[in-house]
Amino acid sequence: MTTRYKPTTADVVEAIGMRVLRIAEDMASGSRHQGRSERLIEQAEQAAIDLRAAVRGR
C-alpha cells in the first residue's frame, strides 16, 4: 500500500505564491505582446481563484 502525501494549506499557498512571482517576473519583462499579456492576466486570475480556494479549504 502506498502512502500518498496530501499537501498542507501552507504548501498550496506557497506554491501559488511562487506561481504569482513567476507571472510578475514575466509581466515585468520587455515583451508587451497582446496575446502574451492576456495569457499572463488569465494565469494571475486563476492563481487568485486557487489561492481563495486553498485558504477556504477546498
N, C-alpha and C. Protein backbone atom coordinates (compact mmCIF):
# COMPACT_ATOMS: atom_id res chain seq x y z
N MET A 1 0.85 -1.18 0.00
CA MET A 1 0.00 0.00 0.00
C MET A 1 0.89 1.24 0.00
N THR A 2 0.60 2.17 -0.87
CA THR A 2 1.39 3.39 -1.00
C THR A 2 0.72 4.51 -0.22
N THR A 3 1.52 5.20 0.57
CA THR A 3 1.01 6.35 1.29
C THR A 3 1.11 7.57 0.39
N ARG A 4 0.02 8.28 0.25
CA ARG A 4 0.01 9.48 -0.60
C ARG A 4 0.20 10.69 0.27
N TYR A 5 1.01 11.62 -0.20
CA TYR A 5 1.25 12.87 0.52
C TYR A 5 0.18 13.87 0.13
N LYS A 6 -0.52 14.39 1.13
CA LYS A 6 -1.51 15.44 0.89
C LYS A 6 -0.88 16.76 1.34
N PRO A 7 -0.66 17.68 0.39
CA PRO A 7 -0.03 18.94 0.77
C PRO A 7 -0.88 19.72 1.77
N THR A 8 -0.21 20.38 2.68
CA THR A 8 -0.91 21.22 3.65
C THR A 8 -1.37 22.51 2.96
N THR A 9 -2.22 23.26 3.64
CA THR A 9 -2.66 24.54 3.11
C THR A 9 -1.46 25.45 2.88
N ALA A 10 -0.51 25.41 3.82
CA ALA A 10 0.69 26.24 3.68
C ALA A 10 1.48 25.86 2.43
N ASP A 11 1.57 24.56 2.14
CA ASP A 11 2.27 24.10 0.93
C ASP A 11 1.59 24.65 -0.32
N VAL A 12 0.26 24.57 -0.34
CA VAL A 12 -0.50 25.03 -1.50
C VAL A 12 -0.35 26.54 -1.67
N VAL A 13 -0.47 27.27 -0.57
CA VAL A 13 -0.34 28.73 -0.63
C VAL A 13 1.06 29.12 -1.10
N GLU A 14 2.08 28.41 -0.62
CA GLU A 14 3.44 28.70 -1.05
C GLU A 14 3.60 28.45 -2.55
N ALA A 15 3.06 27.36 -3.05
CA ALA A 15 3.16 27.05 -4.48
C ALA A 15 2.44 28.11 -5.32
N ILE A 16 1.29 28.56 -4.86
CA ILE A 16 0.56 29.60 -5.58
C ILE A 16 1.36 30.90 -5.56
N GLY A 17 1.97 31.22 -4.41
CA GLY A 17 2.80 32.41 -4.32
C GLY A 17 3.95 32.37 -5.31
N MET A 18 4.55 31.20 -5.48
CA MET A 18 5.64 31.05 -6.45
C MET A 18 5.12 31.26 -7.88
N ARG A 19 3.91 30.76 -8.15
CA ARG A 19 3.30 30.99 -9.47
C ARG A 19 3.12 32.48 -9.71
N VAL A 20 2.61 33.19 -8.70
CA VAL A 20 2.36 34.63 -8.83
C VAL A 20 3.67 35.37 -9.06
N LEU A 21 4.72 34.99 -8.34
CA LEU A 21 6.02 35.64 -8.55
C LEU A 21 6.52 35.42 -9.98
N ARG A 22 6.36 34.20 -10.48
CA ARG A 22 6.79 33.89 -11.85
C ARG A 22 6.00 34.72 -12.86
N ILE A 23 4.69 34.86 -12.62
CA ILE A 23 3.84 35.67 -13.50
C ILE A 23 4.29 37.13 -13.46
N ALA A 24 4.57 37.64 -12.25
CA ALA A 24 5.01 39.03 -12.10
C ALA A 24 6.33 39.27 -12.83
N GLU A 25 7.24 38.31 -12.74
CA GLU A 25 8.51 38.44 -13.46
C GLU A 25 8.29 38.47 -14.96
N ASP A 26 7.39 37.62 -15.44
CA ASP A 26 7.08 37.60 -16.88
C ASP A 26 6.45 38.92 -17.31
N MET A 27 5.58 39.48 -16.47
CA MET A 27 4.94 40.75 -16.82
C MET A 27 5.96 41.90 -16.83
N ALA A 28 6.96 41.81 -15.98
CA ALA A 28 7.97 42.87 -15.89
C ALA A 28 8.97 42.82 -17.04
N SER A 29 9.02 41.70 -17.75
CA SER A 29 9.96 41.59 -18.87
C SER A 29 9.51 42.49 -20.03
N GLY A 30 10.38 42.70 -20.97
CA GLY A 30 10.17 43.69 -22.02
C GLY A 30 9.03 43.46 -22.98
N SER A 31 8.65 42.22 -23.24
CA SER A 31 7.65 41.94 -24.27
C SER A 31 6.27 42.36 -23.82
N ARG A 32 5.57 43.07 -24.67
CA ARG A 32 4.21 43.52 -24.37
C ARG A 32 3.23 43.03 -25.44
N HIS A 33 3.49 41.86 -25.99
CA HIS A 33 2.63 41.27 -27.00
C HIS A 33 1.24 41.04 -26.40
N GLN A 34 0.19 41.46 -27.10
CA GLN A 34 -1.18 41.42 -26.59
C GLN A 34 -1.58 40.02 -26.14
N GLY A 35 -1.35 39.01 -26.96
CA GLY A 35 -1.73 37.65 -26.61
C GLY A 35 -1.01 37.15 -25.37
N ARG A 36 0.25 37.50 -25.25
CA ARG A 36 1.06 37.09 -24.09
C ARG A 36 0.55 37.78 -22.83
N SER A 37 0.23 39.05 -22.92
CA SER A 37 -0.28 39.79 -21.77
C SER A 37 -1.61 39.20 -21.30
N GLU A 38 -2.48 38.87 -22.23
CA GLU A 38 -3.77 38.28 -21.87
C GLU A 38 -3.57 36.94 -21.18
N ARG A 39 -2.64 36.15 -21.67
CA ARG A 39 -2.35 34.84 -21.06
C ARG A 39 -1.85 35.02 -19.63
N LEU A 40 -0.96 36.00 -19.42
CA LEU A 40 -0.43 36.24 -18.08
C LEU A 40 -1.52 36.73 -17.13
N ILE A 41 -2.42 37.56 -17.63
CA ILE A 41 -3.53 38.04 -16.81
C ILE A 41 -4.44 36.87 -16.43
N GLU A 42 -4.72 35.99 -17.38
CA GLU A 42 -5.54 34.81 -17.10
C GLU A 42 -4.87 33.92 -16.05
N GLN A 43 -3.54 33.76 -16.15
CA GLN A 43 -2.82 32.96 -15.16
C GLN A 43 -2.89 33.59 -13.78
N ALA A 44 -2.77 34.91 -13.71
CA ALA A 44 -2.85 35.60 -12.42
C ALA A 44 -4.25 35.47 -11.83
N GLU A 45 -5.27 35.58 -12.67
CA GLU A 45 -6.65 35.42 -12.20
C GLU A 45 -6.88 34.01 -11.67
N GLN A 46 -6.35 33.01 -12.37
CA GLN A 46 -6.50 31.62 -11.93
C GLN A 46 -5.76 31.39 -10.62
N ALA A 47 -4.59 32.00 -10.47
CA ALA A 47 -3.83 31.88 -9.22
C ALA A 47 -4.63 32.47 -8.06
N ALA A 48 -5.30 33.59 -8.30
CA ALA A 48 -6.13 34.20 -7.25
C ALA A 48 -7.29 33.29 -6.87
N ILE A 49 -7.92 32.67 -7.84
CA ILE A 49 -9.01 31.73 -7.58
C ILE A 49 -8.49 30.55 -6.77
N ASP A 50 -7.34 30.01 -7.16
CA ASP A 50 -6.75 28.88 -6.46
C ASP A 50 -6.37 29.25 -5.03
N LEU A 51 -5.86 30.46 -4.84
CA LEU A 51 -5.49 30.90 -3.51
C LEU A 51 -6.72 31.00 -2.60
N ARG A 52 -7.79 31.60 -3.11
CA ARG A 52 -9.03 31.68 -2.32
C ARG A 52 -9.52 30.29 -1.94
N ALA A 53 -9.49 29.36 -2.89
CA ALA A 53 -9.95 28.00 -2.61
C ALA A 53 -9.08 27.32 -1.56
N ALA A 54 -7.76 27.53 -1.65
CA ALA A 54 -6.84 26.90 -0.69
C ALA A 54 -7.07 27.46 0.71
N VAL A 55 -7.25 28.75 0.81
CA VAL A 55 -7.45 29.37 2.12
C VAL A 55 -8.78 28.95 2.72
N ARG A 56 -9.77 28.77 1.88
CA ARG A 56 -11.10 28.35 2.36
C ARG A 56 -11.19 26.85 2.58
N GLY A 57 -10.12 26.11 2.23
CA GLY A 57 -10.08 24.68 2.49
C GLY A 57 -10.78 23.82 1.48
N ARG A 58 -10.82 24.28 0.23
CA ARG A 58 -11.49 23.48 -0.82
C ARG A 58 -10.50 22.77 -1.67
